């Protein structure tokens, strides 16, 4: 199961990078074909809002790949500072 978590970590990283690059490509295409203020504002907001989400996907995937989720606590007594 732990090896599956690690492979899925790589998948999360790939999904984040691919989806953000598709978003950037689409935004560039929409802005270049219709350079109005509404279009620029809309796609700028999409790109800005999705950037931290993509970073979170990459971070989650990296931690899964690194093995931080190999042993998860079963109760709150196992959580230490």
N, C-alpha and C. Protein backbone atom coordinates (compact mmCIF):
# COMPACT_ATOMS: atom_id res chain seq x y z
N UNK A 1 0.81 -1.19 0.00
CA UNK A 1 0.00 0.00 0.00
C UNK A 1 0.87 1.27 0.00
N UNK A 2 1.98 1.20 0.72
CA UNK A 2 2.84 2.38 0.78
C UNK A 2 3.47 2.69 -0.57
N UNK A 3 3.78 1.67 -1.35
CA UNK A 3 4.35 1.94 -2.67
C UNK A 3 3.30 2.56 -3.59
N UNK A 4 2.04 2.17 -3.41
CA UNK A 4 0.96 2.79 -4.20
C UNK A 4 0.85 4.27 -3.85
N UNK A 5 0.97 4.60 -2.56
CA UNK A 5 0.92 6.00 -2.14
C UNK A 5 2.06 6.80 -2.78
N UNK A 6 3.21 6.19 -2.86
CA UNK A 6 4.35 6.89 -3.46
C UNK A 6 4.15 7.12 -4.96
N UNK A 7 3.64 6.11 -5.67
CA UNK A 7 3.37 6.29 -7.10
C UNK A 7 2.26 7.30 -7.34
N UNK A 8 1.27 7.30 -6.47
CA UNK A 8 0.20 8.29 -6.60
C UNK A 8 0.71 9.70 -6.30
N UNK A 9 1.74 9.80 -5.48
CA UNK A 9 2.36 11.11 -5.25
C UNK A 9 2.94 11.68 -6.53
N UNK A 10 3.58 10.83 -7.31
CA UNK A 10 4.10 11.27 -8.61
C UNK A 10 2.95 11.68 -9.52
N UNK A 11 1.85 10.93 -9.45
CA UNK A 11 0.68 11.26 -10.25
C UNK A 11 0.09 12.62 -9.86
N UNK A 12 0.03 12.91 -8.56
CA UNK A 12 -0.48 14.21 -8.10
C UNK A 12 0.39 15.36 -8.63
N UNK A 13 1.69 15.17 -8.58
CA UNK A 13 2.60 16.20 -9.09
C UNK A 13 2.38 16.41 -10.59
N UNK A 14 2.26 15.33 -11.33
CA UNK A 14 2.04 15.43 -12.77
C UNK A 14 0.71 16.09 -13.09
N UNK A 15 -0.34 15.73 -12.36
CA UNK A 15 -1.66 16.33 -12.59
C UNK A 15 -1.61 17.83 -12.32
N UNK A 16 -0.93 18.24 -11.27
CA UNK A 16 -0.85 19.67 -10.94
C UNK A 16 -0.12 20.45 -12.03
N UNK A 17 0.99 19.93 -12.48
CA UNK A 17 1.78 20.63 -13.49
C UNK A 17 1.04 20.67 -14.82
N UNK A 18 0.46 19.56 -15.22
CA UNK A 18 -0.24 19.50 -16.50
C UNK A 18 -1.49 20.38 -16.49
N UNK A 19 -2.27 20.32 -15.41
CA UNK A 19 -3.50 21.11 -15.38
C UNK A 19 -3.20 22.61 -15.33
N UNK A 20 -2.15 23.01 -14.60
CA UNK A 20 -1.82 24.44 -14.56
C UNK A 20 -1.27 24.91 -15.90
N UNK A 21 -0.50 24.07 -16.56
CA UNK A 21 0.01 24.47 -17.88
C UNK A 21 -1.13 24.57 -18.91
N UNK A 22 -2.12 23.68 -18.82
CA UNK A 22 -3.28 23.78 -19.70
C UNK A 22 -4.06 25.07 -19.41
N UNK A 23 -4.19 25.39 -18.12
CA UNK A 23 -4.88 26.63 -17.75
C UNK A 23 -4.14 27.85 -18.30
N UNK A 24 -2.82 27.88 -18.19
CA UNK A 24 -2.05 28.99 -18.72
C UNK A 24 -2.16 29.10 -20.23
N UNK A 25 -2.12 27.96 -20.91
CA UNK A 25 -2.24 27.94 -22.36
C UNK A 25 -3.61 28.45 -22.80
N UNK A 26 -4.65 28.01 -22.11
CA UNK A 26 -6.01 28.46 -22.44
C UNK A 26 -6.17 29.95 -22.15
N UNK A 27 -5.64 30.41 -21.03
CA UNK A 27 -5.73 31.83 -20.69
C UNK A 27 -5.01 32.68 -21.73
N UNK A 28 -3.83 32.25 -22.13
CA UNK A 28 -3.08 33.00 -23.14
C UNK A 28 -3.85 33.04 -24.46
N UNK A 29 -4.43 31.91 -24.84
CA UNK A 29 -5.20 31.86 -26.09
C UNK A 29 -6.43 32.74 -26.05
N UNK A 30 -7.14 32.74 -24.94
CA UNK A 30 -8.34 33.57 -24.81
C UNK A 30 -8.00 35.06 -24.77
N UNK A 31 -6.94 35.40 -24.07
CA UNK A 31 -6.56 36.81 -23.96
C UNK A 31 -6.03 37.33 -25.29
N UNK A 32 -5.30 36.50 -26.02
CA UNK A 32 -4.73 36.97 -27.28
C UNK A 32 -5.78 37.10 -28.38
N UNK A 33 -6.87 36.31 -28.32
CA UNK A 33 -7.89 36.42 -29.36
C UNK A 33 -8.89 37.53 -29.07
N UNK A 34 -9.22 37.73 -27.80
CA UNK A 34 -10.16 38.80 -27.41
C UNK A 34 -9.54 39.64 -26.30
N UNK A 35 -8.67 40.58 -26.62
CA UNK A 35 -7.98 41.33 -25.56
C UNK A 35 -8.84 42.46 -24.97
N UNK A 36 -10.01 42.12 -24.46
CA UNK A 36 -10.83 43.13 -23.78
C UNK A 36 -10.53 43.07 -22.29
N UNK A 37 -10.94 44.10 -21.60
CA UNK A 37 -10.69 44.17 -20.16
C UNK A 37 -11.37 43.04 -19.41
N UNK A 38 -12.60 42.70 -19.82
CA UNK A 38 -13.32 41.62 -19.15
C UNK A 38 -12.60 40.28 -19.27
N UNK A 39 -12.13 39.98 -20.45
CA UNK A 39 -11.44 38.71 -20.68
C UNK A 39 -10.12 38.66 -19.92
N UNK A 40 -9.38 39.73 -19.95
CA UNK A 40 -8.09 39.78 -19.24
C UNK A 40 -8.31 39.63 -17.74
N UNK A 41 -9.30 40.34 -17.21
CA UNK A 41 -9.58 40.28 -15.77
C UNK A 41 -10.03 38.87 -15.36
N UNK A 42 -10.91 38.27 -16.14
CA UNK A 42 -11.43 36.95 -15.83
C UNK A 42 -10.32 35.89 -15.80
N UNK A 43 -9.51 35.84 -16.83
CA UNK A 43 -8.47 34.82 -16.89
C UNK A 43 -7.34 35.09 -15.91
N UNK A 44 -7.09 36.36 -15.62
CA UNK A 44 -6.08 36.68 -14.60
C UNK A 44 -6.51 36.15 -13.23
N UNK A 45 -7.78 36.31 -12.92
CA UNK A 45 -8.29 35.80 -11.64
C UNK A 45 -8.22 34.27 -11.61
N UNK A 46 -8.57 33.62 -12.70
CA UNK A 46 -8.48 32.15 -12.76
C UNK A 46 -7.05 31.69 -12.50
N UNK A 47 -6.11 32.33 -13.17
CA UNK A 47 -4.71 31.93 -13.04
C UNK A 47 -4.19 32.19 -11.63
N UNK A 48 -4.54 33.33 -11.05
CA UNK A 48 -4.07 33.67 -9.70
C UNK A 48 -4.69 32.75 -8.65
N UNK A 49 -5.97 32.45 -8.78
CA UNK A 49 -6.65 31.62 -7.80
C UNK A 49 -6.15 30.17 -7.86
N UNK A 50 -5.90 29.66 -9.05
CA UNK A 50 -5.51 28.26 -9.17
C UNK A 50 -4.05 28.02 -8.84
N UNK A 51 -3.22 29.05 -8.81
CA UNK A 51 -1.79 28.86 -8.54
C UNK A 51 -1.54 28.23 -7.16
N UNK A 52 -2.13 28.75 -6.07
CA UNK A 52 -1.89 28.09 -4.77
C UNK A 52 -2.47 26.68 -4.70
N UNK A 53 -3.56 26.44 -5.43
CA UNK A 53 -4.13 25.09 -5.46
C UNK A 53 -3.16 24.13 -6.13
N UNK A 54 -2.56 24.55 -7.23
CA UNK A 54 -1.58 23.71 -7.93
C UNK A 54 -0.35 23.47 -7.05
N UNK A 55 0.09 24.50 -6.34
CA UNK A 55 1.23 24.34 -5.42
C UNK A 55 0.88 23.34 -4.32
N UNK A 56 -0.36 23.39 -3.83
CA UNK A 56 -0.79 22.43 -2.81
C UNK A 56 -0.79 21.01 -3.33
N UNK A 57 -1.23 20.81 -4.58
CA UNK A 57 -1.19 19.48 -5.19
C UNK A 57 0.24 18.98 -5.30
N UNK A 58 1.15 19.86 -5.71
CA UNK A 58 2.55 19.46 -5.84
C UNK A 58 3.13 19.12 -4.47
N UNK A 59 2.82 19.93 -3.46
CA UNK A 59 3.33 19.67 -2.11
C UNK A 59 2.78 18.35 -1.56
N UNK A 60 1.49 18.12 -1.74
CA UNK A 60 0.89 16.86 -1.30
C UNK A 60 1.52 15.67 -2.01
N UNK A 61 1.72 15.79 -3.31
CA UNK A 61 2.36 14.72 -4.06
C UNK A 61 3.79 14.48 -3.63
N UNK A 62 4.52 15.56 -3.36
CA UNK A 62 5.91 15.41 -2.92
C UNK A 62 5.99 14.72 -1.57
N UNK A 63 5.10 15.10 -0.65
CA UNK A 63 5.11 14.46 0.66
C UNK A 63 4.70 12.99 0.57
N UNK A 64 3.77 12.68 -0.31
CA UNK A 64 3.38 11.28 -0.52
C UNK A 64 4.53 10.50 -1.14
N UNK A 65 5.21 11.09 -2.10
CA UNK A 65 6.35 10.43 -2.74
C UNK A 65 7.50 10.22 -1.77
N UNK A 66 7.70 11.20 -0.90
CA UNK A 66 8.78 11.13 0.07
C UNK A 66 8.50 10.09 1.16
N UNK A 67 7.24 9.74 1.38
CA UNK A 67 6.92 8.71 2.36
C UNK A 67 6.38 9.24 3.67
N UNK A 68 5.97 10.49 3.71
CA UNK A 68 5.44 11.05 4.96
C UNK A 68 4.09 10.47 5.35
N UNK A 69 3.39 9.85 4.43
CA UNK A 69 2.09 9.27 4.72
C UNK A 69 2.15 7.75 4.85
N UNK A 70 3.34 7.19 5.04
CA UNK A 70 3.46 5.73 5.16
C UNK A 70 2.81 5.21 6.44
N UNK A 71 2.99 5.93 7.52
CA UNK A 71 2.38 5.52 8.79
C UNK A 71 1.49 6.65 9.28
N UNK A 72 0.21 6.44 9.24
CA UNK A 72 -0.74 7.44 9.69
C UNK A 72 -1.22 7.09 11.10
N UNK A 73 -1.45 8.09 11.96
CA UNK A 73 -1.92 7.80 13.31
C UNK A 73 -3.35 7.24 13.31
N UNK A 74 -3.61 6.33 14.23
CA UNK A 74 -4.94 5.75 14.33
C UNK A 74 -5.78 6.42 15.41
N UNK A 75 -5.13 7.11 16.34
CA UNK A 75 -5.87 7.85 17.37
C UNK A 75 -5.12 9.14 17.67
N UNK A 76 -5.78 10.01 18.39
CA UNK A 76 -5.16 11.31 18.70
C UNK A 76 -4.05 11.17 19.73
N UNK A 77 -3.98 10.06 20.43
CA UNK A 77 -2.90 9.84 21.39
C UNK A 77 -1.55 9.64 20.71
N UNK A 78 -1.56 9.19 19.46
CA UNK A 78 -0.33 8.95 18.72
C UNK A 78 0.27 10.21 18.12
N UNK A 79 -0.47 11.29 18.14
CA UNK A 79 0.02 12.54 17.57
C UNK A 79 0.87 13.27 18.60
N UNK A 80 2.10 13.52 18.25
CA UNK A 80 3.01 14.21 19.17
C UNK A 80 3.49 15.50 18.56
N UNK A 81 3.98 16.37 19.40
CA UNK A 81 4.47 17.67 18.92
C UNK A 81 5.88 17.57 18.44
